[in-house]
Amino acid sequence: MVNNFHHTAFDDATLLKLEIYRRYIETWLPVFIERPHDSWWDGRINIFDFFCGPGKDADGRDGSPLVAIKECSKFATLLSQQNKNVKLVFNDARPKKIKELNETLGTLKLPLEVHFETGSNDFDKAFMRKLREMTGAANLIFIDQCGIKEVNENVFRALIGLKGTDFLFFIASSFFKRFRESKEFKRYLDTSNHLNDDTPHADSHRVIANMYREMIPGGESYFLAPFSLKKGSNIYGLIFGSSNLLGILKFLEICWNIDPERGEANFDIDDEKLPSKTGDCLDLFKDNDKSEKITRFQNMLRESLLSGMFNSDKDVFTYSLNSGFLPTRHAKEVVVELIKDGKLLCDGRPRLSKICIKDPRIIRLC
């Protein structure tokens, strides 16, 4: 696995990865800028980038540090109005890359409300040093590791244990399938009980994401969502994590806007060859152009509703997000259909938007 890709031009998958990161910062940051302090949060806002690189690729396109700084700078006026600032922490184990980054950042004129610091340490040392700083703050953690080894079970458990923290990490998922019996790979993450010769290559990242889900302690509410990225013949991917319903909602909205059929990949991950939503002619001989993934989810949701599994619109909202779907886009039509058919009752109209989080309405069988 090449770890010096900043000295080449970013490929399309890398550019998309950075665009997903940018879009999440764009939606995440104003939430905390406008949020009042509370019992767990002291008003600090941090973004940590532990594999930051030199800031640009060989063609001069922005890497993750410049993506983050430029996005944060757009909110300078709002930050000033709310008397808040945002701190960005950039780390890379290679001092040469930090030197290049410092030179690039030195040419920028940043607003007073946007601060940064740089450092050059191995990931585990940098992460452990910053854990105390993350406590009591709102944090977005970006771990664009070059490969597979850093986000092991211990790091993952530390991440999900941080209150007010969302994270996004990159992992070379298909390498785990290829080298699953390797002692080197097992030392970081043992996937031998999950990946096998029969696992479809395209599903590699889905399987890895499910492995991380199994690491979440029983009874703990935590949300994960994967986004698969195909580079040549290899499957890589992002895994997003948040303890907050609004966090996972915002990330899934980004994913479904990029991939309207399944919300999880930069390629036809289920090989369904659906008609494009951007101009291809619809197949008149198909009943509809929904992906099988959406159809399966809606059928399962319908069965669950009719079994009395859910007691409120918030329950449906949470179930949808946990399943990787958007409540208003994919679940609402099922709920409305069952109410119209006289099979469900709701105290008022069901609202599968964020308003139901704090003010749920009862849903019950007729």
Protein backbone atom coordinates (compact mmCIF):
# COMPACT_ATOMS: atom_id res chain seq x y z
CA MET A 1 0.00 0.00 0.00
CA VAL A 2 1.52 3.28 -1.10
CA ASN A 3 1.73 5.84 1.70
CA ASN A 4 3.25 8.69 -0.31
CA PHE A 5 0.27 9.42 -2.53
CA HIS A 6 0.40 13.17 -1.83
CA HIS A 7 3.33 13.36 -4.27
CA THR A 8 1.02 12.18 -7.05
CA ALA A 9 -2.29 13.59 -8.27
CA PHE A 10 -5.30 12.56 -6.20
CA ASP A 11 -7.49 10.02 -7.98
CA ASP A 12 -11.28 10.35 -8.22
CA ALA A 13 -11.91 8.17 -5.16
CA THR A 14 -9.57 10.29 -3.03
CA LEU A 15 -11.23 13.48 -4.25
CA LEU A 16 -14.63 12.04 -3.34
CA LYS A 17 -13.35 11.05 0.10
CA LEU A 18 -12.22 14.63 0.64
CA GLU A 19 -15.54 15.97 -0.64
CA ILE A 20 -17.45 13.82 1.87
CA TYR A 21 -15.17 15.18 4.62
CA ARG A 22 -15.76 18.76 3.45
CA ARG A 23 -19.52 18.34 3.30
CA TYR A 24 -19.62 16.91 6.79
CA ILE A 25 -17.61 19.80 8.22
CA GLU A 26 -20.03 22.14 6.45
CA THR A 27 -23.03 20.61 8.24
CA TRP A 28 -21.35 19.74 11.57
CA LEU A 29 -19.65 23.02 12.43
CA PRO A 30 -22.62 25.42 12.58
CA VAL A 31 -24.46 23.07 14.96
CA PHE A 32 -21.83 23.64 17.64
CA ILE A 33 -21.19 27.27 16.80
CA GLU A 34 -24.82 28.07 17.60
CA ARG A 35 -25.19 25.60 20.47
CA PRO A 36 -25.11 26.95 24.03
CA HIS A 37 -22.75 25.40 26.58
CA ASP A 38 -24.22 22.58 28.64
CA SER A 39 -23.29 20.07 31.32
CA TRP A 40 -20.76 18.15 29.22
CA TRP A 41 -19.56 20.79 26.75
CA ASP A 42 -17.32 23.74 27.62
CA GLY A 43 -17.70 25.48 24.25
CA ARG A 44 -14.49 24.26 22.60
CA ILE A 45 -14.67 23.04 18.99
CA ASN A 46 -11.84 20.85 17.66
CA ILE A 47 -11.02 19.12 14.39
CA PHE A 48 -8.24 16.52 14.51
CA ASP A 49 -6.52 15.27 11.35
CA PHE A 50 -4.01 12.59 12.32
CA PHE A 51 -2.66 11.76 8.84
CA CYS A 52 -2.74 15.23 7.36
CA GLY A 53 0.00 15.08 4.72
CA PRO A 54 1.57 18.21 3.18
CA GLY A 55 -1.75 19.93 2.40
CA LYS A 56 -1.76 19.56 -1.39
CA ASP A 57 -1.29 16.88 -4.03
CA ALA A 58 1.14 17.00 -6.96
CA ASP A 59 -1.33 19.10 -8.98
CA GLY A 60 -1.83 21.62 -6.19
CA ARG A 61 -5.29 20.41 -5.20
CA ASP A 62 -6.28 20.78 -1.56
CA GLY A 63 -5.68 17.91 0.82
CA SER A 64 -7.57 17.43 4.07
CA PRO A 65 -5.88 20.26 6.05
CA LEU A 66 -6.76 22.92 3.50
CA VAL A 67 -10.22 21.45 2.97
CA ALA A 68 -10.89 21.81 6.71
CA ILE A 69 -9.32 25.24 7.15
CA LYS A 70 -11.13 26.75 4.18
CA GLU A 71 -14.46 25.28 5.27
CA CYS A 72 -14.05 26.54 8.83
CA SER A 73 -13.04 30.00 7.60
CA LYS A 74 -16.41 30.34 5.87
CA PHE A 75 -17.98 30.45 9.33
CA ALA A 76 -15.73 33.19 10.72
CA THR A 77 -18.55 35.72 11.03
CA LEU A 78 -20.83 33.28 12.83
CA LEU A 79 -17.97 32.19 15.10
CA SER A 80 -17.31 35.83 15.99
CA GLN A 81 -20.99 36.52 16.67
CA GLN A 82 -21.19 33.54 19.02
CA ASN A 83 -17.83 34.32 20.66
CA LYS A 84 -16.41 30.93 19.69
CA ASN A 85 -13.42 29.64 17.78
CA VAL A 86 -12.38 26.38 16.17
CA LYS A 87 -9.03 24.68 16.63
CA LEU A 88 -7.59 22.39 13.98
CA VAL A 89 -4.86 19.91 14.94
CA PHE A 90 -2.77 18.50 12.09
CA ASN A 91 -0.44 15.56 12.63
CA ASP A 92 1.70 13.45 10.34
CA ALA A 93 4.37 10.98 11.36
CA ARG A 94 6.66 12.26 8.61
CA PRO A 95 8.34 15.57 9.58
CA LYS A 96 8.96 16.47 5.93
CA LYS A 97 5.23 16.55 5.25
CA ILE A 98 4.58 18.72 8.29
CA LYS A 99 7.32 21.08 7.11
CA GLU A 100 5.61 21.37 3.72
CA LEU A 101 2.24 21.87 5.39
CA ASN A 102 3.57 24.63 7.64
CA GLU A 103 4.98 26.41 4.60
CA THR A 104 1.61 26.20 2.85
CA LEU A 105 -0.39 27.29 5.88
CA GLY A 106 2.00 30.17 6.40
CA THR A 107 0.80 31.72 3.15
CA LEU A 108 -2.84 31.79 4.27
CA LYS A 109 -4.58 34.70 5.93
CA LEU A 110 -6.84 33.06 8.47
CA PRO A 111 -9.63 34.68 10.48
CA LEU A 112 -8.93 35.19 14.17
CA GLU A 113 -11.55 32.59 15.04
CA VAL A 114 -9.73 29.75 13.23
CA HIS A 115 -6.57 28.39 14.86
CA PHE A 116 -4.30 25.48 14.03
CA GLU A 117 -1.35 23.58 15.40
CA THR A 118 0.87 21.00 13.72
CA GLY A 119 2.88 18.11 15.02
CA SER A 120 4.82 15.07 13.84
CA ASN A 121 4.20 11.91 15.86
CA ASP A 122 3.18 8.34 15.20
CA PHE A 123 -0.58 8.01 15.31
CA ASP A 124 -0.84 6.13 18.61
CA LYS A 125 1.32 8.67 20.42
CA ALA A 126 -0.46 11.66 18.88
CA PHE A 127 -3.91 10.21 19.59
CA MET A 128 -3.17 9.38 23.21
CA ARG A 129 -1.65 12.82 23.80
CA LYS A 130 -4.80 14.51 22.52
CA LEU A 131 -7.39 12.36 24.33
CA ARG A 132 -7.44 14.68 27.35
CA GLU A 133 -7.93 17.69 25.08
CA MET A 134 -10.94 16.00 23.47
CA THR A 135 -12.74 15.56 26.79
CA GLY A 136 -15.43 18.20 27.29
CA ALA A 137 -15.12 19.50 23.73
CA ALA A 138 -17.02 19.02 20.48
CA ASN A 139 -14.66 17.00 18.27
CA LEU A 140 -14.53 15.85 14.68
CA ILE A 141 -11.75 13.29 14.19
CA PHE A 142 -10.46 12.43 10.72
CA ILE A 143 -8.16 9.39 10.51
CA ASP A 144 -7.05 8.98 6.91
CA GLN A 145 -4.70 6.10 7.70
CA CYS A 146 -2.60 4.73 4.86
CA GLY A 147 -3.91 1.20 5.00
CA ILE A 148 -5.32 -0.86 7.83
CA LYS A 149 -3.44 -0.89 11.09
CA GLU A 150 -4.23 2.16 13.24
CA VAL A 151 -7.94 1.90 14.07
CA ASN A 152 -7.75 -1.33 16.00
CA GLU A 153 -10.26 -2.39 18.62
CA ASN A 154 -8.62 -0.36 21.40
CA VAL A 155 -8.61 2.85 19.35
CA PHE A 156 -12.16 2.23 18.18
CA ARG A 157 -13.41 1.80 21.74
CA ALA A 158 -11.62 5.00 22.76
CA LEU A 159 -13.31 6.86 19.89
CA ILE A 160 -16.83 5.71 20.71
CA GLY A 161 -16.24 6.51 24.38
CA LEU A 162 -15.72 10.22 23.64
CA LYS A 163 -18.82 12.31 24.28
CA GLY A 164 -19.66 14.94 21.68
CA THR A 165 -17.30 13.36 19.17
CA ASP A 166 -17.89 12.29 15.58
CA PHE A 167 -15.23 10.48 13.59
CA LEU A 168 -14.47 9.50 10.02
CA PHE A 169 -11.76 6.99 9.23
CA PHE A 170 -10.46 5.41 6.06
CA ILE A 171 -9.56 1.74 5.78
CA ALA A 172 -8.29 -0.54 3.01
CA SER A 173 -11.03 -3.12 3.50
CA SER A 174 -10.40 -5.53 0.63
CA PHE A 175 -6.82 -6.07 1.83
CA PHE A 176 -8.28 -7.79 4.91
CA LYS A 177 -9.98 -10.34 2.70
CA ARG A 178 -6.86 -10.92 0.61
CA PHE A 179 -4.55 -11.27 3.61
CA ARG A 180 -7.01 -12.41 6.28
CA GLU A 181 -4.83 -15.34 7.37
CA SER A 182 -1.72 -13.21 7.61
CA LYS A 183 -0.35 -12.86 11.14
CA GLU A 184 0.49 -9.24 10.38
CA PHE A 185 -3.14 -8.43 9.53
CA LYS A 186 -4.56 -10.49 12.40
CA ARG A 187 -2.39 -8.52 14.78
CA TYR A 188 -4.35 -5.37 13.92
CA LEU A 189 -7.83 -6.72 13.23
CA ASP A 190 -8.74 -10.39 13.01
CA THR A 191 -11.31 -10.71 10.23
CA SER A 192 -10.92 -14.44 9.60
CA ASN A 193 -14.34 -15.23 11.12
CA HIS A 194 -16.08 -12.66 8.92
CA LEU A 195 -14.36 -12.62 5.55
CA ASN A 196 -13.93 -15.79 3.52
CA ASP A 197 -13.55 -16.93 -0.07
CA ASP A 198 -17.33 -16.68 -0.60
CA THR A 199 -17.57 -13.05 0.53
CA PRO A 200 -18.32 -10.95 -2.57
CA HIS A 201 -15.38 -8.66 -3.26
CA ALA A 202 -17.64 -5.61 -3.40
CA ASP A 203 -18.96 -6.40 0.10
CA SER A 204 -15.55 -6.21 1.78
CA HIS A 205 -16.13 -2.80 3.31
CA ARG A 206 -19.65 -3.65 4.45
CA VAL A 207 -18.27 -6.68 6.30
CA ILE A 208 -15.53 -4.64 7.95
CA ALA A 209 -18.08 -2.02 9.04
CA ASN A 210 -20.21 -4.76 10.61
CA MET A 211 -17.15 -6.02 12.47
CA TYR A 212 -16.72 -2.61 14.04
CA ARG A 213 -20.43 -2.56 14.95
CA GLU A 214 -19.87 -5.78 16.89
CA MET A 215 -17.23 -3.95 18.96
CA ILE A 216 -19.83 -1.52 20.35
CA PRO A 217 -20.65 -2.61 23.92
CA GLY A 218 -24.05 -4.22 24.34
CA GLY A 219 -26.81 -1.80 25.31
CA GLU A 220 -24.85 1.23 24.15
CA SER A 221 -26.46 3.46 21.53
CA TYR A 222 -23.93 4.28 18.84
CA PHE A 223 -24.32 4.80 15.10
CA LEU A 224 -21.96 3.69 12.32
CA ALA A 225 -22.25 4.05 8.56
CA PRO A 226 -19.84 2.90 5.83
CA PHE A 227 -19.17 4.38 2.41
CA SER A 228 -17.29 2.10 -0.01
CA LEU A 229 -14.74 3.46 -2.46
CA LYS A 230 -13.45 1.48 -5.41
CA LYS A 231 -9.94 2.22 -6.63
CA GLY A 232 -9.00 0.00 -9.54
CA SER A 233 -9.68 -3.54 -8.37
CA ASN A 234 -9.44 -2.73 -4.65
CA ILE A 235 -12.24 -1.79 -2.25
CA TYR A 236 -11.46 0.84 0.34
CA GLY A 237 -13.87 2.84 2.39
CA LEU A 238 -14.85 5.37 5.02
CA ILE A 239 -16.49 4.51 8.31
CA PHE A 240 -18.38 7.27 10.09
CA GLY A 241 -19.30 7.14 13.75
CA SER A 242 -21.46 9.27 16.04
CA SER A 243 -23.42 8.83 19.25
CA ASN A 244 -25.86 11.48 18.05
CA LEU A 245 -28.89 10.88 15.83
CA LEU A 246 -28.38 14.20 14.07
CA GLY A 247 -24.76 13.29 13.34
CA ILE A 248 -25.63 10.04 11.58
CA LEU A 249 -28.55 11.75 9.81
CA LYS A 250 -26.27 14.42 8.36
CA PHE A 251 -23.71 11.87 7.21
CA LEU A 252 -26.30 9.64 5.57
CA GLU A 253 -27.82 12.62 3.78
CA ILE A 254 -24.40 13.27 2.23
CA CYS A 255 -24.02 9.61 1.23
CA TRP A 256 -27.49 9.34 -0.35
CA ASN A 257 -26.97 12.57 -2.28
CA ILE A 258 -23.79 11.09 -3.75
CA ASP A 259 -25.25 7.62 -4.33
CA PRO A 260 -29.06 7.98 -4.75
CA GLU A 261 -29.57 4.24 -5.34
CA ARG A 262 -27.96 2.80 -2.19
CA GLY A 263 -26.29 5.62 -0.27
CA GLU A 264 -23.03 3.78 0.29
CA ALA A 265 -20.59 3.59 -2.62
CA ASN A 266 -18.93 5.33 -5.56
CA PHE A 267 -19.78 2.33 -7.76
CA ASP A 268 -22.67 -0.06 -8.44
CA ILE A 269 -21.95 -2.08 -5.32
CA ASP A 270 -24.80 -4.57 -5.86
CA ASP A 271 -24.28 -4.78 -9.63
CA GLU A 272 -27.93 -3.96 -10.35
CA LYS A 273 -27.29 -1.62 -13.29
CA LEU A 274 -30.17 0.64 -12.33
CA PRO A 275 -31.08 3.50 -14.65
CA SER A 276 -29.28 6.70 -13.80
CA LYS A 277 -31.25 9.39 -11.97
CA THR A 278 -29.49 11.95 -14.13
CA GLY A 279 -30.86 11.27 -17.58
CA ASP A 280 -30.72 7.62 -18.69
CA CYS A 281 -34.01 6.26 -20.01
CA LEU A 282 -36.02 4.28 -17.49
CA ASP A 283 -36.60 0.62 -18.20
CA LEU A 284 -40.32 0.51 -19.03
CA PHE A 285 -40.43 -3.23 -18.38
CA LYS A 286 -39.36 -2.91 -14.75
CA ASP A 287 -41.98 -2.34 -12.04
CA ASN A 288 -39.85 0.42 -10.52
CA ASP A 289 -36.29 1.62 -10.44
CA LYS A 290 -35.70 1.24 -6.71
CA SER A 291 -32.67 -0.70 -5.65
CA GLU A 292 -33.22 -4.08 -4.03
CA LYS A 293 -31.62 -2.59 -0.93
CA ILE A 294 -34.39 0.00 -0.57
CA THR A 295 -37.12 -2.53 -1.32
CA ARG A 296 -35.77 -4.96 1.29
CA PHE A 297 -35.58 -2.22 3.92
CA GLN A 298 -39.13 -1.03 3.26
CA ASN A 299 -40.47 -4.59 3.41
CA MET A 300 -38.68 -5.20 6.72
CA LEU A 301 -39.92 -1.89 8.09
CA ARG A 302 -43.50 -2.75 7.08
CA GLU A 303 -43.29 -6.13 8.79
CA SER A 304 -41.78 -4.58 11.92
CA LEU A 305 -44.50 -1.93 12.12
CA LEU A 306 -47.22 -4.53 11.71
CA SER A 307 -45.66 -6.67 14.45
CA GLY A 308 -45.93 -3.76 16.89
CA MET A 309 -42.17 -3.39 17.18
CA PHE A 310 -42.24 0.43 17.26
CA ASN A 311 -44.09 2.68 19.68
CA SER A 312 -43.34 6.10 18.21
CA ASP A 313 -42.19 7.97 15.14
CA LYS A 314 -38.84 8.41 16.91
CA ASP A 315 -38.47 4.61 17.05
CA VAL A 316 -38.97 4.45 13.27
CA PHE A 317 -36.59 7.38 12.80
CA THR A 318 -33.86 5.66 14.83
CA TYR A 319 -34.40 2.27 13.18
CA SER A 320 -34.08 3.84 9.73
CA LEU A 321 -30.80 5.58 10.55
CA ASN A 322 -29.40 2.45 12.20
CA SER A 323 -30.23 0.59 8.98
CA GLY A 324 -28.46 3.20 6.82
CA PHE A 325 -31.60 4.84 5.38
CA LEU A 326 -33.12 8.31 5.46
CA PRO A 327 -36.36 8.42 7.48
CA THR A 328 -38.13 10.99 5.31
CA ARG A 329 -36.97 9.54 1.99
CA HIS A 330 -37.28 5.83 2.64
CA ALA A 331 -39.44 5.18 5.73
CA LYS A 332 -42.13 7.83 5.66
CA GLU A 333 -43.98 6.43 2.66
CA VAL A 334 -44.32 3.07 4.39
CA VAL A 335 -45.72 4.62 7.57
CA VAL A 336 -48.12 6.87 5.65
CA GLU A 337 -49.29 3.92 3.54
CA LEU A 338 -50.10 1.81 6.62
CA ILE A 339 -51.96 4.67 8.27
CA LYS A 340 -53.94 5.27 5.07
CA ASP A 341 -54.79 1.55 4.90
CA GLY A 342 -56.14 1.66 8.46
CA LYS A 343 -53.45 -0.61 9.89
CA LEU A 344 -51.64 1.99 12.04
CA LEU A 345 -52.71 4.89 14.19
CA CYS A 346 -50.56 7.90 15.06
CA ASP A 347 -51.22 10.70 17.54
CA GLY A 348 -51.18 13.38 14.89
CA ARG A 349 -49.23 13.13 11.65
CA PRO A 350 -46.01 11.10 11.98
CA ARG A 351 -42.96 13.28 11.64
CA LEU A 352 -39.89 11.38 10.58
CA SER A 353 -37.69 14.48 10.65
CA LYS A 354 -35.41 15.59 13.48
CA ILE A 355 -38.32 17.16 15.38
CA CYS A 356 -39.44 13.70 16.50
CA ILE A 357 -36.21 13.23 18.50
CA LYS A 358 -37.33 15.59 21.27
CA ASP A 359 -41.08 15.37 20.68
CA PRO A 360 -42.02 11.83 19.58
CA ARG A 361 -45.57 10.91 18.65
CA ILE A 362 -47.09 7.57 19.55
CA ILE A 363 -47.62 4.98 16.81
CA ARG A 364 -49.77 1.92 17.49
CA LEU A 365 -51.59 -0.84 15.67
CA CYS A 366 -55.26 -0.39 14.93
